[in-house]
N, C-alpha and C. Protein backbone atom coordinates (compact mmCIF):
# COMPACT_ATOMS: atom_id res chain seq x y z
N MET A 1 -28.69 -64.45 18.74
CA MET A 1 -29.26 -63.20 18.24
C MET A 1 -28.92 -62.07 19.20
N ARG A 2 -29.09 -62.31 20.50
CA ARG A 2 -28.82 -61.28 21.50
C ARG A 2 -27.33 -60.93 21.45
N ARG A 3 -26.49 -61.89 21.31
CA ARG A 3 -25.03 -61.64 21.26
C ARG A 3 -24.66 -60.83 20.01
N THR A 4 -25.34 -61.12 18.89
CA THR A 4 -25.06 -60.42 17.66
C THR A 4 -25.48 -58.94 17.78
N ARG A 5 -26.64 -58.72 18.44
CA ARG A 5 -27.08 -57.34 18.68
C ARG A 5 -26.10 -56.58 19.57
N LEU A 6 -25.67 -57.24 20.61
CA LEU A 6 -24.72 -56.63 21.55
C LEU A 6 -23.42 -56.30 20.82
N THR A 7 -22.94 -57.19 20.01
CA THR A 7 -21.72 -56.94 19.23
C THR A 7 -21.89 -55.80 18.29
N LEU A 8 -23.04 -55.73 17.56
CA LEU A 8 -23.32 -54.65 16.63
C LEU A 8 -23.43 -53.34 17.39
N TYR A 9 -24.13 -53.34 18.52
CA TYR A 9 -24.29 -52.14 19.32
C TYR A 9 -22.91 -51.64 19.82
N SER A 10 -22.10 -52.55 20.31
CA SER A 10 -20.74 -52.20 20.75
C SER A 10 -19.91 -51.60 19.65
N ALA A 11 -20.00 -52.21 18.48
CA ALA A 11 -19.24 -51.72 17.32
C ALA A 11 -19.72 -50.34 16.89
N LEU A 12 -21.04 -50.12 16.97
CA LEU A 12 -21.61 -48.81 16.61
C LEU A 12 -21.10 -47.75 17.61
N VAL A 13 -21.12 -48.05 18.88
CA VAL A 13 -20.66 -47.10 19.93
C VAL A 13 -19.17 -46.78 19.71
N VAL A 14 -18.36 -47.81 19.50
CA VAL A 14 -16.92 -47.61 19.28
C VAL A 14 -16.71 -46.75 18.02
N GLY A 15 -17.46 -47.03 16.97
CA GLY A 15 -17.34 -46.27 15.75
C GLY A 15 -17.73 -44.81 15.94
N LEU A 16 -18.81 -44.56 16.69
CA LEU A 16 -19.20 -43.18 16.94
C LEU A 16 -18.17 -42.45 17.79
N VAL A 17 -17.64 -43.07 18.80
CA VAL A 17 -16.61 -42.45 19.63
C VAL A 17 -15.36 -42.17 18.79
N ALA A 18 -14.93 -43.11 18.00
CA ALA A 18 -13.75 -42.94 17.16
C ALA A 18 -14.00 -41.83 16.13
N GLY A 19 -15.20 -41.83 15.57
CA GLY A 19 -15.54 -40.78 14.57
C GLY A 19 -15.54 -39.39 15.22
N ALA A 20 -16.12 -39.29 16.42
CA ALA A 20 -16.10 -38.02 17.09
C ALA A 20 -14.71 -37.54 17.43
N ALA A 21 -13.86 -38.47 17.86
CA ALA A 21 -12.47 -38.13 18.17
C ALA A 21 -11.73 -37.66 16.89
N LEU A 22 -11.95 -38.37 15.78
CA LEU A 22 -11.33 -37.97 14.54
C LEU A 22 -11.86 -36.62 14.08
N TYR A 23 -13.14 -36.36 14.19
CA TYR A 23 -13.70 -35.09 13.79
C TYR A 23 -13.10 -33.97 14.64
N ASN A 24 -12.99 -34.17 15.94
CA ASN A 24 -12.43 -33.13 16.82
C ASN A 24 -10.93 -32.90 16.52
N ALA A 25 -10.22 -33.93 16.10
CA ALA A 25 -8.82 -33.74 15.75
C ALA A 25 -8.68 -32.97 14.41
N LEU A 26 -9.56 -33.25 13.49
CA LEU A 26 -9.52 -32.56 12.20
C LEU A 26 -10.10 -31.17 12.22
N PHE A 27 -11.07 -30.93 13.05
CA PHE A 27 -11.80 -29.67 13.12
C PHE A 27 -11.92 -29.19 14.56
N PRO A 28 -10.76 -28.80 15.17
CA PRO A 28 -10.82 -28.43 16.62
C PRO A 28 -11.63 -27.15 16.77
N VAL A 29 -12.27 -27.08 17.90
CA VAL A 29 -13.07 -25.89 18.25
C VAL A 29 -12.08 -24.81 18.69
N ALA A 30 -12.21 -23.62 18.13
CA ALA A 30 -11.33 -22.51 18.50
C ALA A 30 -11.62 -22.15 19.94
N PRO A 31 -10.58 -21.83 20.69
CA PRO A 31 -10.78 -21.42 22.08
C PRO A 31 -11.52 -20.10 22.09
N ARG A 32 -12.32 -19.87 23.13
CA ARG A 32 -13.02 -18.63 23.30
C ARG A 32 -12.02 -17.52 23.50
N PRO A 33 -12.17 -16.38 22.84
CA PRO A 33 -11.26 -15.27 23.07
C PRO A 33 -11.40 -14.77 24.51
N PRO A 34 -10.29 -14.27 25.07
CA PRO A 34 -10.39 -13.79 26.47
C PRO A 34 -11.27 -12.54 26.53
N ALA A 35 -11.80 -12.30 27.69
CA ALA A 35 -12.61 -11.11 27.90
C ALA A 35 -11.72 -9.90 27.66
N PRO A 36 -12.27 -8.83 27.08
CA PRO A 36 -11.45 -7.65 26.84
C PRO A 36 -10.91 -7.05 28.14
N LEU A 37 -9.71 -6.46 28.05
CA LEU A 37 -9.18 -5.77 29.19
C LEU A 37 -10.00 -4.52 29.45
N THR A 38 -10.29 -4.26 30.68
CA THR A 38 -11.09 -3.09 31.07
C THR A 38 -10.41 -2.19 32.10
N GLU A 39 -9.44 -2.70 32.79
CA GLU A 39 -8.72 -1.92 33.79
C GLU A 39 -7.43 -1.42 33.20
N PRO A 40 -6.91 -0.25 33.68
CA PRO A 40 -5.66 0.27 33.11
C PRO A 40 -4.50 -0.66 33.31
N ILE A 41 -3.58 -0.63 32.31
CA ILE A 41 -2.32 -1.36 32.44
C ILE A 41 -1.26 -0.35 32.87
N ASP A 42 -0.11 -0.83 33.41
CA ASP A 42 0.95 0.10 33.83
C ASP A 42 2.31 -0.21 33.23
N ARG A 43 2.38 -1.26 32.40
CA ARG A 43 3.64 -1.59 31.76
C ARG A 43 3.41 -2.42 30.51
N ILE A 44 4.22 -2.14 29.49
CA ILE A 44 4.18 -2.85 28.23
C ILE A 44 5.59 -3.35 28.00
N LEU A 45 5.77 -4.64 27.81
CA LEU A 45 7.06 -5.26 27.49
C LEU A 45 7.00 -5.79 26.04
N ILE A 46 7.96 -5.30 25.23
CA ILE A 46 8.03 -5.78 23.86
C ILE A 46 9.36 -6.52 23.71
N GLU A 47 9.27 -7.79 23.33
CA GLU A 47 10.43 -8.64 23.11
C GLU A 47 10.58 -8.81 21.60
N LYS A 48 11.53 -8.06 21.02
CA LYS A 48 11.67 -8.04 19.59
C LYS A 48 11.98 -9.42 18.99
N SER A 49 12.88 -10.16 19.58
CA SER A 49 13.27 -11.45 19.02
C SER A 49 12.10 -12.44 19.00
N ALA A 50 11.21 -12.33 19.96
CA ALA A 50 10.03 -13.23 20.04
C ALA A 50 8.84 -12.66 19.30
N ARG A 51 8.95 -11.43 18.82
CA ARG A 51 7.82 -10.73 18.16
C ARG A 51 6.58 -10.80 19.08
N ARG A 52 6.82 -10.42 20.34
CA ARG A 52 5.77 -10.53 21.37
C ARG A 52 5.69 -9.25 22.23
N MET A 53 4.48 -8.86 22.52
CA MET A 53 4.22 -7.74 23.43
C MET A 53 3.32 -8.28 24.57
N THR A 54 3.74 -8.02 25.81
CA THR A 54 3.02 -8.43 26.98
C THR A 54 2.62 -7.20 27.79
N VAL A 55 1.38 -7.13 28.22
CA VAL A 55 0.93 -6.00 29.02
C VAL A 55 0.72 -6.46 30.44
N TYR A 56 1.05 -5.54 31.39
CA TYR A 56 1.05 -5.84 32.82
C TYR A 56 0.24 -4.82 33.60
N ARG A 57 -0.22 -5.30 34.77
CA ARG A 57 -0.78 -4.41 35.80
C ARG A 57 -0.25 -4.93 37.13
N ASP A 58 0.38 -4.06 37.89
CA ASP A 58 0.93 -4.44 39.23
C ASP A 58 1.80 -5.66 39.17
N GLY A 59 2.63 -5.76 38.14
CA GLY A 59 3.59 -6.85 38.01
C GLY A 59 3.00 -8.15 37.47
N THR A 60 1.72 -8.21 37.18
CA THR A 60 1.09 -9.41 36.70
C THR A 60 0.87 -9.30 35.20
N ALA A 61 1.35 -10.29 34.44
CA ALA A 61 1.11 -10.31 33.01
C ALA A 61 -0.36 -10.59 32.76
N LEU A 62 -1.00 -9.69 31.94
CA LEU A 62 -2.40 -9.85 31.70
C LEU A 62 -2.71 -10.46 30.33
N ARG A 63 -1.93 -10.15 29.37
CA ARG A 63 -2.17 -10.59 27.98
C ARG A 63 -0.90 -10.45 27.18
N SER A 64 -0.70 -11.35 26.23
CA SER A 64 0.42 -11.24 25.29
C SER A 64 -0.15 -11.22 23.89
N TYR A 65 0.55 -10.48 22.96
CA TYR A 65 0.10 -10.31 21.59
C TYR A 65 1.31 -10.50 20.68
N ALA A 66 1.07 -10.97 19.49
CA ALA A 66 2.10 -11.01 18.46
C ALA A 66 2.23 -9.60 17.90
N VAL A 67 3.47 -9.23 17.51
CA VAL A 67 3.73 -7.92 16.97
C VAL A 67 4.55 -8.04 15.69
N ARG A 68 4.55 -6.99 14.91
CA ARG A 68 5.47 -6.88 13.79
C ARG A 68 6.27 -5.57 14.00
N LEU A 69 7.49 -5.55 13.52
CA LEU A 69 8.42 -4.50 13.83
C LEU A 69 8.86 -3.75 12.57
N GLY A 70 9.92 -2.97 12.73
CA GLY A 70 10.52 -2.29 11.60
C GLY A 70 11.06 -3.28 10.60
N PHE A 71 11.19 -2.84 9.33
CA PHE A 71 11.56 -3.78 8.27
C PHE A 71 12.99 -4.30 8.41
N ALA A 72 13.85 -3.75 9.29
CA ALA A 72 15.18 -4.26 9.57
C ALA A 72 15.34 -4.26 11.09
N PRO A 73 14.67 -5.18 11.79
CA PRO A 73 14.50 -5.06 13.24
C PRO A 73 15.72 -5.40 14.11
N GLU A 74 16.74 -6.01 13.55
CA GLU A 74 17.86 -6.42 14.37
C GLU A 74 18.64 -5.16 14.85
N GLY A 75 18.92 -5.12 16.16
CA GLY A 75 19.69 -4.01 16.71
C GLY A 75 18.84 -2.84 17.11
N ASP A 76 19.45 -1.92 17.84
CA ASP A 76 18.77 -0.69 18.33
C ASP A 76 18.66 0.31 17.22
N LYS A 77 17.57 1.09 17.21
CA LYS A 77 17.43 2.17 16.25
C LYS A 77 18.55 3.18 16.44
N GLU A 78 19.16 3.60 15.33
CA GLU A 78 20.26 4.56 15.36
C GLU A 78 19.94 5.85 14.65
N ARG A 79 19.22 5.72 13.54
CA ARG A 79 19.00 6.91 12.69
C ARG A 79 17.69 6.79 11.91
N GLN A 80 17.24 7.95 11.46
CA GLN A 80 16.04 8.04 10.60
C GLN A 80 16.23 7.13 9.41
N GLY A 81 15.21 6.31 9.12
CA GLY A 81 15.22 5.48 7.91
C GLY A 81 15.91 4.16 8.02
N ASP A 82 16.45 3.79 9.22
CA ASP A 82 17.19 2.52 9.29
C ASP A 82 16.27 1.32 9.43
N GLY A 83 14.96 1.52 9.63
CA GLY A 83 14.01 0.42 9.72
C GLY A 83 14.08 -0.36 10.99
N ARG A 84 14.82 0.13 11.96
CA ARG A 84 14.95 -0.58 13.24
C ARG A 84 13.95 -0.06 14.23
N THR A 85 13.60 -0.93 15.19
CA THR A 85 12.74 -0.54 16.31
C THR A 85 13.65 -0.24 17.48
N PRO A 86 13.45 0.88 18.17
CA PRO A 86 14.37 1.22 19.27
C PRO A 86 14.30 0.22 20.43
N GLU A 87 15.37 0.18 21.20
CA GLU A 87 15.42 -0.69 22.40
C GLU A 87 15.68 0.18 23.60
N GLY A 88 15.09 -0.17 24.74
CA GLY A 88 15.28 0.60 25.95
C GLY A 88 14.02 0.76 26.74
N ILE A 89 14.03 1.71 27.68
CA ILE A 89 12.90 2.01 28.52
C ILE A 89 12.30 3.35 28.04
N PHE A 90 11.03 3.30 27.72
CA PHE A 90 10.34 4.49 27.23
C PHE A 90 9.01 4.66 27.94
N ARG A 91 8.27 5.70 27.57
CA ARG A 91 6.94 5.90 28.11
C ARG A 91 6.00 6.26 26.97
N ILE A 92 4.71 5.95 27.14
CA ILE A 92 3.70 6.44 26.20
C ILE A 92 3.57 7.93 26.43
N ASP A 93 3.79 8.74 25.40
CA ASP A 93 3.70 10.19 25.58
C ASP A 93 2.61 10.86 24.78
N ARG A 94 1.85 10.09 23.99
CA ARG A 94 0.75 10.68 23.24
C ARG A 94 -0.12 9.57 22.66
N LYS A 95 -1.37 9.92 22.39
CA LYS A 95 -2.32 9.03 21.75
C LYS A 95 -2.88 9.70 20.53
N ASN A 96 -2.88 9.00 19.40
CA ASN A 96 -3.32 9.61 18.15
C ASN A 96 -4.53 8.82 17.61
N ALA A 97 -5.73 9.45 17.72
CA ALA A 97 -6.94 8.84 17.26
C ALA A 97 -7.09 9.01 15.73
N ARG A 98 -6.25 9.83 15.12
CA ARG A 98 -6.36 10.07 13.67
C ARG A 98 -5.11 9.51 12.95
N SER A 99 -4.55 8.47 13.53
CA SER A 99 -3.36 7.83 12.93
C SER A 99 -3.67 7.26 11.54
N ARG A 100 -2.66 7.25 10.69
CA ARG A 100 -2.79 6.55 9.38
C ARG A 100 -2.93 5.08 9.58
N PHE A 101 -2.57 4.60 10.78
CA PHE A 101 -2.61 3.18 11.07
C PHE A 101 -3.64 2.85 12.15
N HIS A 102 -4.85 3.25 11.87
CA HIS A 102 -6.02 2.99 12.71
C HIS A 102 -6.01 3.85 13.98
N LEU A 103 -5.25 3.42 14.99
CA LEU A 103 -5.04 4.20 16.23
C LEU A 103 -3.55 4.02 16.56
N SER A 104 -2.99 4.96 17.34
CA SER A 104 -1.58 4.77 17.72
C SER A 104 -1.29 5.32 19.08
N LEU A 105 -0.33 4.72 19.76
CA LEU A 105 0.21 5.13 21.03
C LEU A 105 1.65 5.54 20.82
N GLY A 106 1.97 6.81 21.06
CA GLY A 106 3.33 7.30 20.82
C GLY A 106 4.28 6.94 21.95
N ILE A 107 5.52 6.65 21.56
CA ILE A 107 6.60 6.34 22.47
C ILE A 107 7.58 7.50 22.49
N ASP A 108 8.09 7.84 23.65
CA ASP A 108 8.96 9.02 23.81
C ASP A 108 10.37 8.77 23.29
N TYR A 109 10.48 8.37 22.02
CA TYR A 109 11.74 8.24 21.31
C TYR A 109 11.77 9.37 20.27
N PRO A 110 12.90 10.05 20.09
CA PRO A 110 14.20 9.80 20.73
C PRO A 110 14.29 10.46 22.10
N GLN A 111 15.09 9.85 22.92
CA GLN A 111 15.40 10.41 24.23
C GLN A 111 16.73 11.16 24.11
N GLN A 112 17.12 11.83 25.17
CA GLN A 112 18.32 12.67 25.13
C GLN A 112 19.58 11.93 24.65
N ALA A 113 19.77 10.72 25.12
CA ALA A 113 20.96 9.93 24.74
C ALA A 113 20.97 9.65 23.20
N HIS A 114 19.78 9.41 22.65
CA HIS A 114 19.69 9.16 21.22
C HIS A 114 20.02 10.41 20.40
N VAL A 115 19.54 11.55 20.92
CA VAL A 115 19.77 12.84 20.23
C VAL A 115 21.26 13.19 20.26
N VAL A 116 21.91 12.98 21.42
CA VAL A 116 23.33 13.29 21.53
C VAL A 116 24.15 12.36 20.61
N ARG A 117 23.84 11.06 20.60
CA ARG A 117 24.54 10.10 19.75
C ARG A 117 24.42 10.49 18.29
N ALA A 118 23.20 10.83 17.88
CA ALA A 118 22.97 11.18 16.47
C ALA A 118 23.67 12.49 16.11
N ALA A 119 23.63 13.48 17.03
CA ALA A 119 24.33 14.74 16.72
C ALA A 119 25.80 14.54 16.56
N ALA A 120 26.37 13.70 17.41
CA ALA A 120 27.82 13.38 17.28
C ALA A 120 28.12 12.71 15.97
N GLY A 121 27.18 11.93 15.44
CA GLY A 121 27.42 11.26 14.16
C GLY A 121 26.95 12.07 12.95
N GLY A 122 26.32 13.19 13.21
CA GLY A 122 25.89 14.07 12.13
C GLY A 122 24.68 13.56 11.39
N TYR A 123 23.79 12.88 12.07
CA TYR A 123 22.55 12.39 11.41
C TYR A 123 21.36 12.56 12.35
N SER A 124 20.16 12.34 11.84
CA SER A 124 18.95 12.40 12.63
C SER A 124 18.68 11.09 13.30
N PRO A 125 18.28 11.09 14.62
CA PRO A 125 17.96 9.86 15.28
C PRO A 125 16.61 9.26 14.85
N GLY A 126 15.85 10.00 14.05
CA GLY A 126 14.50 9.58 13.72
C GLY A 126 13.53 9.94 14.82
N GLY A 127 12.33 9.51 14.69
CA GLY A 127 11.28 9.80 15.70
C GLY A 127 10.00 9.25 15.27
N ASP A 128 8.91 9.69 15.89
CA ASP A 128 7.59 9.21 15.60
C ASP A 128 7.49 7.67 15.67
N ILE A 129 7.91 7.11 16.78
CA ILE A 129 7.80 5.69 17.01
C ILE A 129 6.51 5.44 17.78
N PHE A 130 5.70 4.54 17.24
CA PHE A 130 4.35 4.24 17.83
C PHE A 130 4.13 2.76 17.92
N ILE A 131 3.18 2.40 18.81
CA ILE A 131 2.50 1.11 18.78
C ILE A 131 1.22 1.44 18.00
N HIS A 132 0.99 0.77 16.87
CA HIS A 132 -0.16 1.14 16.04
C HIS A 132 -0.82 -0.04 15.39
N GLY A 133 -1.98 0.22 14.75
CA GLY A 133 -2.69 -0.82 14.04
C GLY A 133 -2.18 -0.95 12.63
N GLN A 134 -3.06 -1.43 11.75
CA GLN A 134 -2.74 -1.75 10.38
C GLN A 134 -3.02 -0.54 9.46
N PRO A 135 -2.37 -0.52 8.31
CA PRO A 135 -2.58 0.54 7.35
C PRO A 135 -3.96 0.45 6.67
N PRO A 136 -4.43 1.55 6.08
CA PRO A 136 -5.69 1.49 5.37
C PRO A 136 -5.68 0.40 4.32
N GLY A 137 -6.84 -0.23 4.14
CA GLY A 137 -6.93 -1.30 3.14
C GLY A 137 -6.71 -2.67 3.71
N VAL A 138 -6.29 -2.75 4.98
CA VAL A 138 -6.03 -4.05 5.59
C VAL A 138 -7.13 -4.36 6.60
N GLU A 139 -8.15 -3.51 6.68
CA GLU A 139 -9.19 -3.68 7.67
C GLU A 139 -9.83 -5.08 7.65
N GLY A 140 -10.04 -5.60 6.46
CA GLY A 140 -10.69 -6.89 6.38
C GLY A 140 -9.76 -8.06 6.67
N MET A 141 -8.46 -7.79 6.67
CA MET A 141 -7.48 -8.86 6.94
C MET A 141 -7.13 -8.82 8.44
N HIS A 142 -6.61 -9.94 8.97
CA HIS A 142 -6.21 -9.92 10.35
C HIS A 142 -5.07 -8.98 10.58
N TRP A 143 -3.99 -9.09 9.76
CA TRP A 143 -2.88 -8.19 9.80
C TRP A 143 -1.81 -8.56 8.78
N ILE A 144 -0.85 -7.71 8.58
CA ILE A 144 0.26 -7.99 7.68
C ILE A 144 1.25 -8.88 8.44
N ASP A 145 1.51 -10.06 7.86
CA ASP A 145 2.27 -11.12 8.58
C ASP A 145 3.78 -11.10 8.27
N ARG A 146 4.40 -9.92 8.41
CA ARG A 146 5.84 -9.80 8.28
C ARG A 146 6.23 -8.44 8.87
N ASP A 147 7.52 -8.27 9.17
CA ASP A 147 7.99 -6.98 9.69
C ASP A 147 7.92 -5.97 8.54
N TRP A 148 7.27 -4.83 8.76
CA TRP A 148 6.99 -3.93 7.64
C TRP A 148 7.06 -2.44 8.02
N THR A 149 7.15 -2.08 9.28
CA THR A 149 7.05 -0.67 9.63
C THR A 149 8.40 0.01 9.46
N ALA A 150 8.42 1.33 9.67
CA ALA A 150 9.65 2.11 9.58
C ALA A 150 10.38 2.10 10.90
N GLY A 151 9.96 1.30 11.90
CA GLY A 151 10.56 1.22 13.22
C GLY A 151 9.53 1.11 14.31
N CYS A 152 8.24 1.24 13.95
CA CYS A 152 7.18 1.15 14.93
C CYS A 152 6.85 -0.32 15.28
N ILE A 153 5.93 -0.48 16.20
CA ILE A 153 5.42 -1.77 16.61
C ILE A 153 4.00 -1.87 16.12
N ALA A 154 3.70 -2.84 15.23
CA ALA A 154 2.38 -2.99 14.65
C ALA A 154 1.65 -4.16 15.23
N VAL A 155 0.38 -3.97 15.45
CA VAL A 155 -0.52 -5.03 15.98
C VAL A 155 -1.80 -5.01 15.16
N PRO A 156 -2.62 -6.05 15.26
CA PRO A 156 -3.90 -6.05 14.57
C PRO A 156 -4.76 -4.90 15.12
N ASN A 157 -5.69 -4.43 14.33
CA ASN A 157 -6.56 -3.32 14.71
C ASN A 157 -7.31 -3.61 15.99
N ALA A 158 -7.82 -4.83 16.16
CA ALA A 158 -8.57 -5.16 17.38
C ALA A 158 -7.67 -5.04 18.63
N VAL A 159 -6.41 -5.33 18.47
CA VAL A 159 -5.48 -5.21 19.61
C VAL A 159 -5.23 -3.75 19.95
N ILE A 160 -4.96 -2.90 18.94
CA ILE A 160 -4.69 -1.49 19.28
C ILE A 160 -5.99 -0.85 19.86
N GLU A 161 -7.13 -1.30 19.45
CA GLU A 161 -8.35 -0.77 20.05
C GLU A 161 -8.44 -1.12 21.54
N GLU A 162 -8.09 -2.37 21.86
CA GLU A 162 -8.06 -2.78 23.27
C GLU A 162 -6.99 -1.99 24.05
N LEU A 163 -5.80 -1.88 23.49
CA LEU A 163 -4.72 -1.15 24.20
C LEU A 163 -5.08 0.33 24.37
N TRP A 164 -5.69 0.91 23.38
CA TRP A 164 -6.09 2.31 23.39
C TRP A 164 -6.96 2.59 24.62
N ARG A 165 -7.86 1.67 24.94
CA ARG A 165 -8.78 1.88 26.06
C ARG A 165 -8.09 1.79 27.44
N VAL A 166 -7.01 0.99 27.53
CA VAL A 166 -6.46 0.71 28.87
C VAL A 166 -5.08 1.32 29.08
N THR A 167 -4.50 2.02 28.10
CA THR A 167 -3.16 2.56 28.22
C THR A 167 -3.24 4.10 28.42
N ALA A 168 -2.63 4.51 29.52
CA ALA A 168 -2.61 5.93 29.84
C ALA A 168 -1.29 6.56 29.40
N ILE A 169 -1.30 7.87 29.22
CA ILE A 169 -0.06 8.61 28.98
C ILE A 169 0.80 8.36 30.23
N GLY A 170 2.10 8.09 29.99
CA GLY A 170 3.02 7.78 31.08
C GLY A 170 3.24 6.31 31.30
N THR A 171 2.47 5.43 30.64
CA THR A 171 2.67 3.99 30.80
C THR A 171 4.08 3.62 30.32
N VAL A 172 4.79 2.80 31.15
CA VAL A 172 6.13 2.40 30.80
C VAL A 172 6.14 1.39 29.67
N VAL A 173 7.04 1.56 28.72
CA VAL A 173 7.22 0.62 27.60
C VAL A 173 8.70 0.22 27.60
N GLU A 174 8.92 -1.09 27.83
CA GLU A 174 10.29 -1.60 27.73
C GLU A 174 10.39 -2.41 26.43
N ILE A 175 11.39 -2.06 25.60
CA ILE A 175 11.62 -2.79 24.34
C ILE A 175 12.96 -3.50 24.47
N ARG A 176 12.91 -4.81 24.43
CA ARG A 176 14.12 -5.64 24.55
C ARG A 176 14.52 -6.19 23.20
N PRO A 177 15.81 -6.50 23.03
CA PRO A 177 16.23 -7.14 21.78
C PRO A 177 15.50 -8.44 21.47
């Protein structure tokens, strides 16, 4: 009798442990979101091919975010309407609290080299490139999950809110292919 109880007890414990492991595998607990950034950042790196933006302070990567780009993201922006996101070293030159896309951080594109190249080709280099949130009507969704902008860098609204608080005018923005 005692051996039967011990066997039943052991089987019950093994079953509970296996059940808990199966439950955890099927329904994993979401990791806790990181604490919000509160100190200023000094650099933003955007890697177009990885659809990733990483923010830095004093050379240390603090956080990475997924991004969406212009509707034709391959290559450097050349002209107005090409749907490309520019590549190069830029700076944040303005903040727009009344953006059509929740909030936005302006990038100093076009720069002189872009203007000269476009003038030589007889076309406009474009402009108004921003890191911004989502368009109206997407507030309840996390974000649009495809490249969709006219050349800007789009992030979820919660991300642009965080960046808005910690990004100063003059922050360096590097956009790589």
